[in-house]
């Protein structure tokens, strides 16, 4: 029994050393940035590069988090991006919780992103598949996950925590955003997979992709775009499903 406990502790320590060292280095970077005031300067630089446009800053932050996540553990990526990028996002009006979720989410996506794609490399080693093909297919399947962080930023109600009081309108609005996000994810998966009740034609695939785009725009810009999404959902139910029934 004692041997099992000792071996378990030894295995736990050996497995956590990599993360611990990464977090130590991230702590050193954090201390340097905070002590020298570079974190504020870096935030101002990012805002200047984005021209003060939130969407541009989000794209820039996404790229930085993905690149850092390719070769670093997620905790270290999270700490570094929060120090450097989160203040810039908050300055442009993003709630603190949404900014942290945004950066953390893309830090998780980093190990799945080519050309490094360490998780795909491990999966390819286990399955005996080609590393590049596995990495590209994995990233293609995970593209749909890129929608979620942007929805968190533009509609932090989806995180539920920022909601201070609940009433019928709040629940209705939350349900609408959640439904549009689910439809956007669904249509994106269908577009990437090129399959819905059967293989799609180019025209049908374009319609489904349009539905994915407008479902996200209905969250980010205005709910009126959901009217187009409703028509596309009706088209999917009536036309595409009817075609399969006939076949």
Protein backbone atom coordinates (compact mmCIF):
# COMPACT_ATOMS: atom_id res chain seq x y z
CA UNK A 1 0.00 0.00 0.00
CA UNK A 2 2.80 2.40 0.91
CA UNK A 3 4.57 1.66 -2.37
CA UNK A 4 1.43 2.59 -4.29
CA UNK A 5 1.12 5.89 -2.41
CA UNK A 6 4.80 6.74 -2.93
CA UNK A 7 4.72 5.87 -6.62
CA UNK A 8 1.52 7.90 -7.07
CA UNK A 9 3.08 10.92 -5.39
CA UNK A 10 6.22 10.55 -7.49
CA UNK A 11 4.20 10.29 -10.68
CA UNK A 12 2.11 13.35 -9.73
CA UNK A 13 5.19 15.45 -9.04
CA UNK A 14 6.92 14.41 -12.27
CA UNK A 15 3.81 15.20 -14.32
CA UNK A 16 3.30 18.61 -12.72
CA UNK A 17 6.92 19.79 -13.05
CA UNK A 18 6.41 21.09 -16.57
CA UNK A 19 3.37 23.15 -15.61
CA UNK A 20 5.05 24.39 -12.43
CA UNK A 21 8.13 25.61 -14.31
CA UNK A 22 5.96 27.30 -16.92
CA UNK A 23 3.94 29.04 -14.21
CA UNK A 24 7.14 30.12 -12.45
CA UNK A 25 8.43 31.70 -15.66
CA UNK A 26 5.05 33.30 -16.26
CA UNK A 27 5.20 34.70 -12.70
CA UNK A 28 8.60 36.23 -13.43
CA UNK A 29 7.25 37.81 -16.59
CA UNK A 30 4.23 39.08 -14.69
CA UNK A 31 6.43 40.61 -11.99
CA UNK A 32 8.64 42.36 -14.55
CA UNK A 33 5.67 43.75 -16.47
CA UNK A 34 3.88 44.99 -13.36
CA UNK A 35 6.99 46.39 -11.65
CA UNK A 36 8.20 48.29 -14.73
CA UNK A 37 4.73 49.39 -15.83
CA UNK A 38 5.16 47.72 -19.20
CA UNK A 39 1.76 46.03 -18.93
CA UNK A 40 0.00 49.39 -19.26
CA UNK A 41 2.25 50.42 -22.13
CA UNK A 42 1.66 47.14 -23.94
CA UNK A 43 -2.09 47.58 -23.54
CA UNK A 44 -1.88 51.05 -25.05
CA UNK A 45 0.22 49.69 -27.92
CA UNK A 46 -2.37 47.01 -28.67
CA UNK A 47 -5.18 49.59 -28.60
CA UNK A 48 -3.21 51.84 -30.95
CA UNK A 49 -2.54 48.95 -33.34
CA UNK A 50 -6.24 48.10 -33.41
CA UNK A 51 -7.20 51.71 -34.04
CA UNK A 52 -9.53 51.58 -31.05
CA UNK A 53 -11.79 49.02 -32.77
CA UNK A 54 -12.85 46.23 -30.45
CA UNK A 55 -13.27 43.57 -33.15
CA UNK A 56 -9.78 44.21 -34.53
CA UNK A 57 -8.33 43.99 -31.01
CA UNK A 58 -10.20 40.71 -30.44
CA UNK A 59 -8.75 39.23 -33.64
CA UNK A 60 -5.28 40.40 -32.62
CA UNK A 61 -5.72 38.96 -29.12
CA UNK A 62 -6.95 35.67 -30.58
CA UNK A 63 -3.86 35.35 -32.79
CA UNK A 64 -1.49 36.15 -29.91
CA UNK A 65 -3.18 33.64 -27.58
CA UNK A 66 -3.15 30.91 -30.26
CA UNK A 67 0.54 31.47 -31.03
CA UNK A 68 1.52 31.44 -27.36
CA UNK A 69 -0.64 28.38 -26.77
CA UNK A 70 1.22 26.38 -29.41
CA UNK A 71 4.27 25.89 -27.25
CA UNK A 72 3.26 26.74 -23.70
CA UNK A 73 0.95 25.16 -21.11
CA UNK A 74 -2.48 26.75 -20.86
CA UNK A 75 -1.97 28.22 -17.34
CA UNK A 76 1.15 30.07 -18.49
CA UNK A 77 -0.58 31.32 -21.65
CA UNK A 78 -3.52 32.51 -19.59
CA UNK A 79 -1.33 34.44 -17.14
CA UNK A 80 0.74 36.14 -19.85
CA UNK A 81 -2.21 37.08 -22.07
CA UNK A 82 -4.22 38.35 -19.11
CA UNK A 83 -1.34 40.59 -18.07
CA UNK A 84 -0.70 41.99 -21.54
CA UNK A 85 -4.02 41.85 -23.40
CA UNK A 86 -6.82 41.82 -20.83
CA UNK A 87 -6.25 45.47 -19.74
CA UNK A 88 -6.59 46.56 -23.37
CA UNK A 89 -9.85 44.63 -23.78
CA UNK A 90 -11.22 46.07 -20.54
CA UNK A 91 -10.31 49.60 -21.66
CA UNK A 92 -12.46 49.10 -24.76
CA UNK A 93 -15.45 48.11 -22.64
CA UNK A 94 -15.18 44.34 -22.38
CA UNK A 95 -16.26 43.04 -18.94
CA UNK A 96 -13.37 41.61 -16.94
CA UNK A 97 -14.84 38.11 -16.73
CA UNK A 98 -15.57 38.00 -20.47
CA UNK A 99 -12.03 39.20 -21.28
CA UNK A 100 -10.52 36.47 -19.12
CA UNK A 101 -12.75 33.79 -20.65
CA UNK A 102 -11.88 34.99 -24.16
CA UNK A 103 -8.14 34.74 -23.60
CA UNK A 104 -8.33 31.49 -21.65
CA UNK A 105 -10.46 29.87 -24.35
CA UNK A 106 -7.97 30.61 -27.11
CA UNK A 107 -5.11 29.57 -24.86
CA UNK A 108 -6.77 26.15 -24.72
CA UNK A 109 -7.15 26.11 -28.50
CA UNK A 110 -3.44 26.79 -29.00
CA UNK A 111 -2.22 23.17 -28.64
CA UNK A 112 -4.69 22.16 -31.35
CA UNK A 113 -3.52 24.80 -33.85
CA UNK A 114 -1.10 23.88 -36.68
CA UNK A 115 1.82 23.87 -37.29
CA UNK A 116 2.69 22.74 -33.74
CA UNK A 117 -0.61 21.08 -32.70
CA UNK A 118 0.87 19.03 -29.86
CA UNK A 119 -2.46 17.39 -29.04
CA UNK A 120 -2.93 16.30 -32.65
CA UNK A 121 0.65 15.03 -32.64
CA UNK A 122 -0.11 12.86 -29.61
CA UNK A 123 -3.33 11.59 -31.21
CA UNK A 124 -1.50 10.77 -34.45
CA UNK A 125 1.17 8.87 -32.52
CA UNK A 126 -1.50 6.78 -30.79
CA UNK A 127 -3.56 6.12 -33.92
CA UNK A 128 -0.66 5.74 -36.34
CA UNK A 129 -2.08 8.44 -38.58
CA UNK A 130 -0.31 11.20 -40.45
CA UNK A 131 0.54 14.16 -38.18
CA UNK A 132 -0.30 16.90 -40.69
CA UNK A 133 -3.59 15.36 -41.79
CA UNK A 134 -4.60 14.73 -38.17
CA UNK A 135 -3.69 18.28 -37.17
CA UNK A 136 -5.59 19.87 -40.06
CA UNK A 137 -8.69 17.73 -39.51
CA UNK A 138 -8.63 18.42 -35.77
CA UNK A 139 -8.33 22.16 -36.34
CA UNK A 140 -11.09 22.05 -38.94
CA UNK A 141 -13.38 20.29 -36.49
CA UNK A 142 -12.51 22.81 -33.77
CA UNK A 143 -13.06 25.94 -35.88
CA UNK A 144 -16.62 26.00 -34.61
CA UNK A 145 -15.24 26.66 -31.12
CA UNK A 146 -13.91 30.03 -32.31
CA UNK A 147 -17.46 31.39 -32.26
CA UNK A 148 -18.02 30.93 -28.54
CA UNK A 149 -15.45 33.42 -27.12
CA UNK A 150 -16.69 36.23 -29.36
CA UNK A 151 -20.24 35.58 -28.17
CA UNK A 152 -18.98 35.86 -24.57
CA UNK A 153 -17.43 39.25 -25.29
CA UNK A 154 -20.36 40.83 -27.11
CA UNK A 155 -23.01 39.22 -24.92
CA UNK A 156 -21.51 38.57 -21.47
CA UNK A 157 -25.00 37.56 -20.31
CA UNK A 158 -24.17 34.14 -21.76
CA UNK A 159 -21.72 33.70 -18.87
CA UNK A 160 -24.73 34.18 -16.51
CA UNK A 161 -22.47 35.42 -13.69
CA UNK A 162 -22.65 39.13 -14.74
CA UNK A 163 -26.46 39.06 -14.42
CA UNK A 164 -27.36 40.85 -11.19
CA UNK A 165 -31.14 40.48 -11.27
CA UNK A 166 -33.43 38.09 -13.09
CA UNK A 167 -36.69 39.03 -14.76
CA UNK A 168 -38.67 37.86 -17.78
CA UNK A 169 -36.85 40.11 -20.26
CA UNK A 170 -33.44 38.97 -19.00
CA UNK A 171 -34.42 35.31 -19.34
CA UNK A 172 -35.91 35.95 -22.80
CA UNK A 173 -32.79 37.78 -23.96
CA UNK A 174 -30.49 35.10 -22.56
CA UNK A 175 -32.55 32.37 -24.25
CA UNK A 176 -32.39 34.23 -27.58
CA UNK A 177 -28.59 34.64 -27.44
CA UNK A 178 -28.13 31.03 -26.43
CA UNK A 179 -30.40 29.83 -29.25
CA UNK A 180 -28.62 31.94 -31.87
CA UNK A 181 -25.23 30.73 -30.63
CA UNK A 182 -26.41 27.11 -30.82
CA UNK A 183 -27.77 27.64 -34.34
CA UNK A 184 -24.53 29.33 -35.38
CA UNK A 185 -22.47 26.42 -34.09
CA UNK A 186 -24.83 23.91 -35.75
CA UNK A 187 -24.75 25.63 -39.14
CA UNK A 188 -20.96 26.00 -38.95
CA UNK A 189 -20.55 22.27 -38.30
CA UNK A 190 -22.87 21.47 -41.21
CA UNK A 191 -20.95 23.81 -43.51
CA UNK A 192 -17.57 22.34 -42.58
CA UNK A 193 -18.83 18.77 -42.76
CA UNK A 194 -20.71 19.39 -46.03
CA UNK A 195 -23.44 17.03 -44.89
CA UNK A 196 -27.06 17.46 -43.81
CA UNK A 197 -29.55 14.70 -44.60
CA UNK A 198 -27.01 13.84 -47.30
CA UNK A 199 -24.18 15.56 -49.18
CA UNK A 200 -24.89 19.23 -49.85
CA UNK A 201 -24.62 21.01 -53.15
CA UNK A 202 -22.53 24.17 -53.39
CA UNK A 203 -25.70 26.28 -53.40
CA UNK A 204 -27.13 24.57 -50.30
CA UNK A 205 -23.82 24.79 -48.49
CA UNK A 206 -23.65 28.53 -49.21
CA UNK A 207 -27.15 29.00 -47.78
CA UNK A 208 -26.25 27.12 -44.59
CA UNK A 209 -23.05 29.15 -44.26
CA UNK A 210 -25.08 32.35 -44.64
CA UNK A 211 -27.27 31.16 -41.77
CA UNK A 212 -24.19 30.62 -39.61
CA UNK A 213 -22.90 34.12 -40.36
CA UNK A 214 -26.22 35.88 -39.67
CA UNK A 215 -26.84 33.91 -36.48
CA UNK A 216 -23.56 35.26 -35.12
CA UNK A 217 -24.31 38.76 -36.41
CA UNK A 218 -27.67 38.64 -34.62
CA UNK A 219 -25.71 38.22 -31.38
CA UNK A 220 -22.99 40.75 -32.09
CA UNK A 221 -24.87 43.49 -33.97
CA UNK A 222 -28.66 43.35 -33.92
CA UNK A 223 -31.31 40.68 -33.23
CA UNK A 224 -33.07 41.62 -36.49
CA UNK A 225 -30.62 39.41 -38.39
CA UNK A 226 -32.33 36.44 -36.72
CA UNK A 227 -35.18 36.85 -39.26
CA UNK A 228 -32.84 35.64 -42.00
CA UNK A 229 -31.74 32.78 -39.76
CA UNK A 230 -35.37 31.73 -39.23
CA UNK A 231 -35.97 31.59 -42.99
CA UNK A 232 -32.86 29.45 -43.46
CA UNK A 233 -33.96 27.10 -40.67
CA UNK A 234 -37.35 26.76 -42.40
CA UNK A 235 -35.53 26.09 -45.68
CA UNK A 236 -33.49 23.38 -43.98
CA UNK A 237 -36.54 21.71 -42.46
CA UNK A 238 -38.81 21.87 -45.51
CA UNK A 239 -36.57 21.73 -48.59
CA UNK A 240 -33.54 19.68 -47.54
CA UNK A 241 -35.43 17.17 -45.40
CA UNK A 242 -38.11 16.81 -48.09
CA UNK A 243 -35.43 16.09 -50.67
CA UNK A 244 -34.08 13.26 -48.55
CA UNK A 245 -37.58 11.87 -47.98
CA UNK A 246 -38.16 11.76 -51.75
CA UNK A 247 -34.83 10.02 -52.28
